[in-house]
Amino acid sequence: MNCERCLIAAAVFLVTGLGLIFGFTHGTLGFGAAYPVAGTALEVSLKTTGLPALAGLISTLVGVLLLIIALVQALVAQVPSEPAKAPTTKVA
């Protein structure tokens, strides 16, 4: 599998996994701004239950793994290979 196909598969798995996780989430989101910036707070509470949680986690992990594989394949493709040695023939 070349790096382009691996990257496409990684994107599909990541979008599917994160879509399942965030699409079936029951939670809250809160943001409080304060004058001293140190008092500003962002609170996120996410809870996904059932099959979407399991399938989303597995799909996201597979997507991250494929993304790492695509990165390694792209890096290896950039390394120049040794030039092929032309066979030498003796001229008599």
N, C-alpha and C. Protein backbone atom coordinates (compact mmCIF):
# COMPACT_ATOMS: atom_id res chain seq x y z
N MET A 1 0.86 -1.17 0.00
CA MET A 1 0.00 0.00 0.00
C MET A 1 0.90 1.23 0.00
N ASN A 2 0.71 2.12 -0.98
CA ASN A 2 1.53 3.32 -1.03
C ASN A 2 1.04 4.35 -0.03
N CYS A 3 1.83 5.42 0.16
CA CYS A 3 1.53 6.36 1.23
C CYS A 3 0.25 7.15 0.96
N GLU A 4 -0.12 7.37 -0.31
CA GLU A 4 -1.35 8.11 -0.59
C GLU A 4 -2.58 7.33 -0.16
N ARG A 5 -2.61 6.04 -0.48
CA ARG A 5 -3.75 5.22 -0.08
C ARG A 5 -3.81 5.06 1.43
N CYS A 6 -2.66 4.95 2.05
CA CYS A 6 -2.61 4.82 3.51
C CYS A 6 -3.11 6.11 4.18
N LEU A 7 -2.76 7.25 3.60
CA LEU A 7 -3.22 8.53 4.15
C LEU A 7 -4.73 8.68 3.99
N ILE A 8 -5.27 8.27 2.86
CA ILE A 8 -6.72 8.34 2.66
C ILE A 8 -7.44 7.42 3.64
N ALA A 9 -6.92 6.21 3.82
CA ALA A 9 -7.53 5.28 4.78
C ALA A 9 -7.45 5.83 6.19
N ALA A 10 -6.33 6.47 6.54
CA ALA A 10 -6.18 7.06 7.87
C ALA A 10 -7.22 8.16 8.09
N ALA A 11 -7.42 9.00 7.08
CA ALA A 11 -8.41 10.07 7.21
C ALA A 11 -9.82 9.51 7.37
N VAL A 12 -10.15 8.47 6.62
CA VAL A 12 -11.48 7.86 6.72
C VAL A 12 -11.70 7.27 8.11
N PHE A 13 -10.70 6.54 8.62
CA PHE A 13 -10.85 5.94 9.94
C PHE A 13 -10.91 7.00 11.04
N LEU A 14 -10.10 8.05 10.93
CA LEU A 14 -10.14 9.10 11.93
C LEU A 14 -11.47 9.84 11.94
N VAL A 15 -11.98 10.18 10.77
CA VAL A 15 -13.26 10.89 10.70
C VAL A 15 -14.39 9.99 11.22
N THR A 16 -14.36 8.73 10.85
CA THR A 16 -15.39 7.80 11.33
C THR A 16 -15.34 7.64 12.84
N GLY A 17 -14.14 7.43 13.36
CA GLY A 17 -14.00 7.23 14.80
C GLY A 17 -14.39 8.45 15.61
N LEU A 18 -13.87 9.61 15.22
CA LEU A 18 -14.22 10.82 15.97
C LEU A 18 -15.68 11.21 15.76
N GLY A 19 -16.22 10.91 14.58
CA GLY A 19 -17.64 11.17 14.35
C GLY A 19 -18.53 10.32 15.25
N LEU A 20 -18.16 9.06 15.41
CA LEU A 20 -18.92 8.19 16.31
C LEU A 20 -18.82 8.66 17.76
N ILE A 21 -17.61 9.02 18.16
CA ILE A 21 -17.42 9.44 19.55
C ILE A 21 -18.18 10.73 19.84
N PHE A 22 -18.02 11.74 19.00
CA PHE A 22 -18.66 13.03 19.27
C PHE A 22 -20.12 13.07 18.83
N GLY A 23 -20.51 12.22 17.91
CA GLY A 23 -21.89 12.21 17.45
C GLY A 23 -22.87 11.64 18.46
N PHE A 24 -22.40 10.71 19.28
CA PHE A 24 -23.26 10.08 20.27
C PHE A 24 -22.87 10.49 21.69
N THR A 25 -22.33 11.68 21.83
CA THR A 25 -21.87 12.17 23.13
C THR A 25 -23.01 12.80 23.92
N HIS A 26 -23.03 12.49 25.20
CA HIS A 26 -23.93 13.16 26.15
C HIS A 26 -23.01 13.89 27.10
N GLY A 27 -23.03 15.19 27.08
CA GLY A 27 -22.12 15.92 27.95
C GLY A 27 -22.42 17.39 27.98
N THR A 28 -21.53 18.10 28.64
CA THR A 28 -21.68 19.54 28.78
C THR A 28 -20.38 20.24 28.42
N LEU A 29 -20.53 21.51 28.11
CA LEU A 29 -19.38 22.33 27.78
C LEU A 29 -19.59 23.67 28.45
N GLY A 30 -18.59 24.11 29.19
CA GLY A 30 -18.71 25.39 29.89
C GLY A 30 -17.45 26.22 29.71
N PHE A 31 -17.63 27.53 29.55
CA PHE A 31 -16.50 28.43 29.40
C PHE A 31 -16.76 29.65 30.27
N GLY A 32 -15.81 29.96 31.10
CA GLY A 32 -15.93 31.14 31.96
C GLY A 32 -14.74 32.05 31.75
N ALA A 33 -15.00 33.27 31.33
CA ALA A 33 -13.93 34.24 31.12
C ALA A 33 -13.83 35.15 32.34
N ALA A 34 -12.62 35.46 32.73
CA ALA A 34 -12.39 36.33 33.88
C ALA A 34 -11.33 37.35 33.53
N TYR A 35 -11.33 38.46 34.29
CA TYR A 35 -10.36 39.51 33.99
C TYR A 35 -8.91 39.07 34.18
N PRO A 36 -8.51 38.56 35.31
CA PRO A 36 -7.16 38.00 35.28
C PRO A 36 -7.22 36.71 34.45
N VAL A 37 -6.43 36.65 33.45
CA VAL A 37 -6.51 35.54 32.50
C VAL A 37 -6.33 34.20 33.22
N ALA A 38 -5.65 34.19 34.33
CA ALA A 38 -5.45 32.95 35.08
C ALA A 38 -6.77 32.39 35.61
N GLY A 39 -7.81 33.22 35.70
CA GLY A 39 -9.10 32.76 36.19
C GLY A 39 -10.02 32.21 35.11
N THR A 40 -9.61 32.26 33.86
CA THR A 40 -10.41 31.75 32.75
C THR A 40 -10.41 30.23 32.79
N ALA A 41 -11.60 29.64 32.57
CA ALA A 41 -11.71 28.18 32.65
C ALA A 41 -12.55 27.63 31.50
N LEU A 42 -12.14 26.48 31.01
CA LEU A 42 -12.88 25.74 30.01
C LEU A 42 -13.14 24.36 30.58
N GLU A 43 -14.41 23.99 30.70
CA GLU A 43 -14.77 22.69 31.25
C GLU A 43 -15.50 21.88 30.19
N VAL A 44 -14.98 20.68 29.92
CA VAL A 44 -15.58 19.79 28.93
C VAL A 44 -15.86 18.46 29.61
N SER A 45 -17.10 18.01 29.50
CA SER A 45 -17.48 16.72 30.06
C SER A 45 -18.13 15.92 28.93
N LEU A 46 -17.46 14.85 28.50
CA LEU A 46 -17.96 14.02 27.42
C LEU A 46 -18.22 12.61 27.93
N LYS A 47 -19.31 12.04 27.49
CA LYS A 47 -19.61 10.65 27.84
C LYS A 47 -20.29 10.01 26.65
N THR A 48 -19.63 9.01 26.08
CA THR A 48 -20.19 8.23 24.98
C THR A 48 -20.31 6.80 25.47
N THR A 49 -21.48 6.22 25.32
CA THR A 49 -21.69 4.87 25.84
C THR A 49 -22.09 3.92 24.72
N GLY A 50 -21.89 2.65 25.00
CA GLY A 50 -22.35 1.62 24.08
C GLY A 50 -21.40 1.36 22.92
N LEU A 51 -21.98 0.83 21.86
CA LEU A 51 -21.21 0.45 20.67
C LEU A 51 -20.49 1.64 20.02
N PRO A 52 -21.09 2.84 19.94
CA PRO A 52 -20.35 3.96 19.34
C PRO A 52 -19.05 4.28 20.08
N ALA A 53 -19.02 4.08 21.38
CA ALA A 53 -17.80 4.34 22.14
C ALA A 53 -16.71 3.35 21.77
N LEU A 54 -17.07 2.08 21.71
CA LEU A 54 -16.09 1.04 21.38
C LEU A 54 -15.63 1.16 19.93
N ALA A 55 -16.58 1.26 19.01
CA ALA A 55 -16.23 1.35 17.58
C ALA A 55 -15.48 2.64 17.29
N GLY A 56 -15.86 3.72 17.94
CA GLY A 56 -15.18 5.00 17.73
C GLY A 56 -13.75 4.98 18.22
N LEU A 57 -13.52 4.37 19.37
CA LEU A 57 -12.17 4.28 19.90
C LEU A 57 -11.29 3.41 19.02
N ILE A 58 -11.79 2.25 18.61
CA ILE A 58 -11.01 1.35 17.77
C ILE A 58 -10.72 1.99 16.41
N SER A 59 -11.72 2.63 15.83
CA SER A 59 -11.54 3.28 14.52
C SER A 59 -10.54 4.43 14.62
N THR A 60 -10.59 5.18 15.69
CA THR A 60 -9.64 6.28 15.87
C THR A 60 -8.23 5.76 16.05
N LEU A 61 -8.06 4.70 16.81
CA LEU A 61 -6.73 4.12 17.00
C LEU A 61 -6.16 3.56 15.69
N VAL A 62 -7.00 2.91 14.90
CA VAL A 62 -6.56 2.40 13.60
C VAL A 62 -6.17 3.57 12.69
N GLY A 63 -6.94 4.65 12.73
CA GLY A 63 -6.61 5.83 11.93
C GLY A 63 -5.29 6.46 12.32
N VAL A 64 -5.01 6.54 13.61
CA VAL A 64 -3.73 7.09 14.07
C VAL A 64 -2.58 6.18 13.64
N LEU A 65 -2.78 4.87 13.76
CA LEU A 65 -1.75 3.92 13.34
C LEU A 65 -1.47 4.05 11.83
N LEU A 66 -2.52 4.14 11.03
CA LEU A 66 -2.34 4.30 9.59
C LEU A 66 -1.68 5.63 9.25
N LEU A 67 -1.98 6.66 10.01
CA LEU A 67 -1.35 7.96 9.79
C LEU A 67 0.15 7.89 10.07
N ILE A 68 0.54 7.18 11.10
CA ILE A 68 1.96 7.01 11.40
C ILE A 68 2.63 6.20 10.30
N ILE A 69 1.97 5.15 9.82
CA ILE A 69 2.53 4.33 8.74
C ILE A 69 2.68 5.17 7.47
N ALA A 70 1.70 6.01 7.16
CA ALA A 70 1.78 6.86 5.97
C ALA A 70 2.93 7.85 6.10
N LEU A 71 3.16 8.36 7.30
CA LEU A 71 4.28 9.29 7.52
C LEU A 71 5.61 8.58 7.29
N VAL A 72 5.75 7.38 7.81
CA VAL A 72 6.99 6.63 7.62
C VAL A 72 7.19 6.31 6.14
N GLN A 73 6.12 5.91 5.45
CA GLN A 73 6.24 5.61 4.02
C GLN A 73 6.64 6.85 3.22
N ALA A 74 6.10 8.00 3.58
CA ALA A 74 6.45 9.24 2.87
C ALA A 74 7.91 9.62 3.14
N LEU A 75 8.38 9.41 4.36
CA LEU A 75 9.77 9.72 4.68
C LEU A 75 10.73 8.77 3.95
N VAL A 76 10.38 7.50 3.89
CA VAL A 76 11.22 6.54 3.19
C VAL A 76 11.25 6.84 1.70
N ALA A 77 10.14 7.29 1.14
CA ALA A 77 10.09 7.61 -0.29
C ALA A 77 10.98 8.81 -0.63
N GLN A 78 11.26 9.67 0.35
CA GLN A 78 12.08 10.85 0.09
C GLN A 78 13.57 10.55 0.14
N VAL A 79 13.95 9.43 0.71
CA VAL A 79 15.36 9.07 0.80
C VAL A 79 15.82 8.57 -0.57
N PRO A 80 16.87 9.17 -1.11
CA PRO A 80 17.32 8.73 -2.43
C PRO A 80 17.93 7.33 -2.35
N SER A 81 17.62 6.52 -3.32
CA SER A 81 18.17 5.17 -3.35
C SER A 81 19.47 5.18 -4.14
N GLU A 82 20.21 4.11 -4.00
CA GLU A 82 21.47 4.01 -4.73
C GLU A 82 21.17 3.86 -6.21
N PRO A 83 21.95 4.53 -7.06
CA PRO A 83 21.72 4.39 -8.50
C PRO A 83 22.06 2.96 -8.95
N ALA A 84 21.27 2.48 -9.87
CA ALA A 84 21.51 1.13 -10.38
C ALA A 84 22.80 1.11 -11.16
N LYS A 85 23.61 0.12 -10.86
CA LYS A 85 24.90 0.02 -11.55
C LYS A 85 24.67 -0.63 -12.91
N ALA A 86 25.16 0.02 -13.93
CA ALA A 86 25.04 -0.52 -15.29
C ALA A 86 26.01 -1.68 -15.44
N PRO A 87 25.56 -2.74 -16.06
CA PRO A 87 26.48 -3.87 -16.25
C PRO A 87 27.64 -3.46 -17.16
N THR A 88 28.81 -3.82 -16.74
CA THR A 88 29.98 -3.48 -17.55
C THR A 88 30.28 -4.61 -18.52
N THR A 89 30.53 -4.23 -19.74
CA THR A 89 30.88 -5.23 -20.75
C THR A 89 32.29 -4.96 -21.23
N LYS A 90 33.02 -6.01 -21.44
CA LYS A 90 34.39 -5.88 -21.92
C LYS A 90 34.39 -5.72 -23.44
N VAL A 91 35.09 -4.74 -23.86
CA VAL A 91 35.22 -4.55 -25.31
C VAL A 91 36.54 -5.21 -25.73
N ALA A 92 36.45 -6.16 -26.65
CA ALA A 92 37.63 -6.92 -27.03
C ALA A 92 38.43 -6.25 -28.09
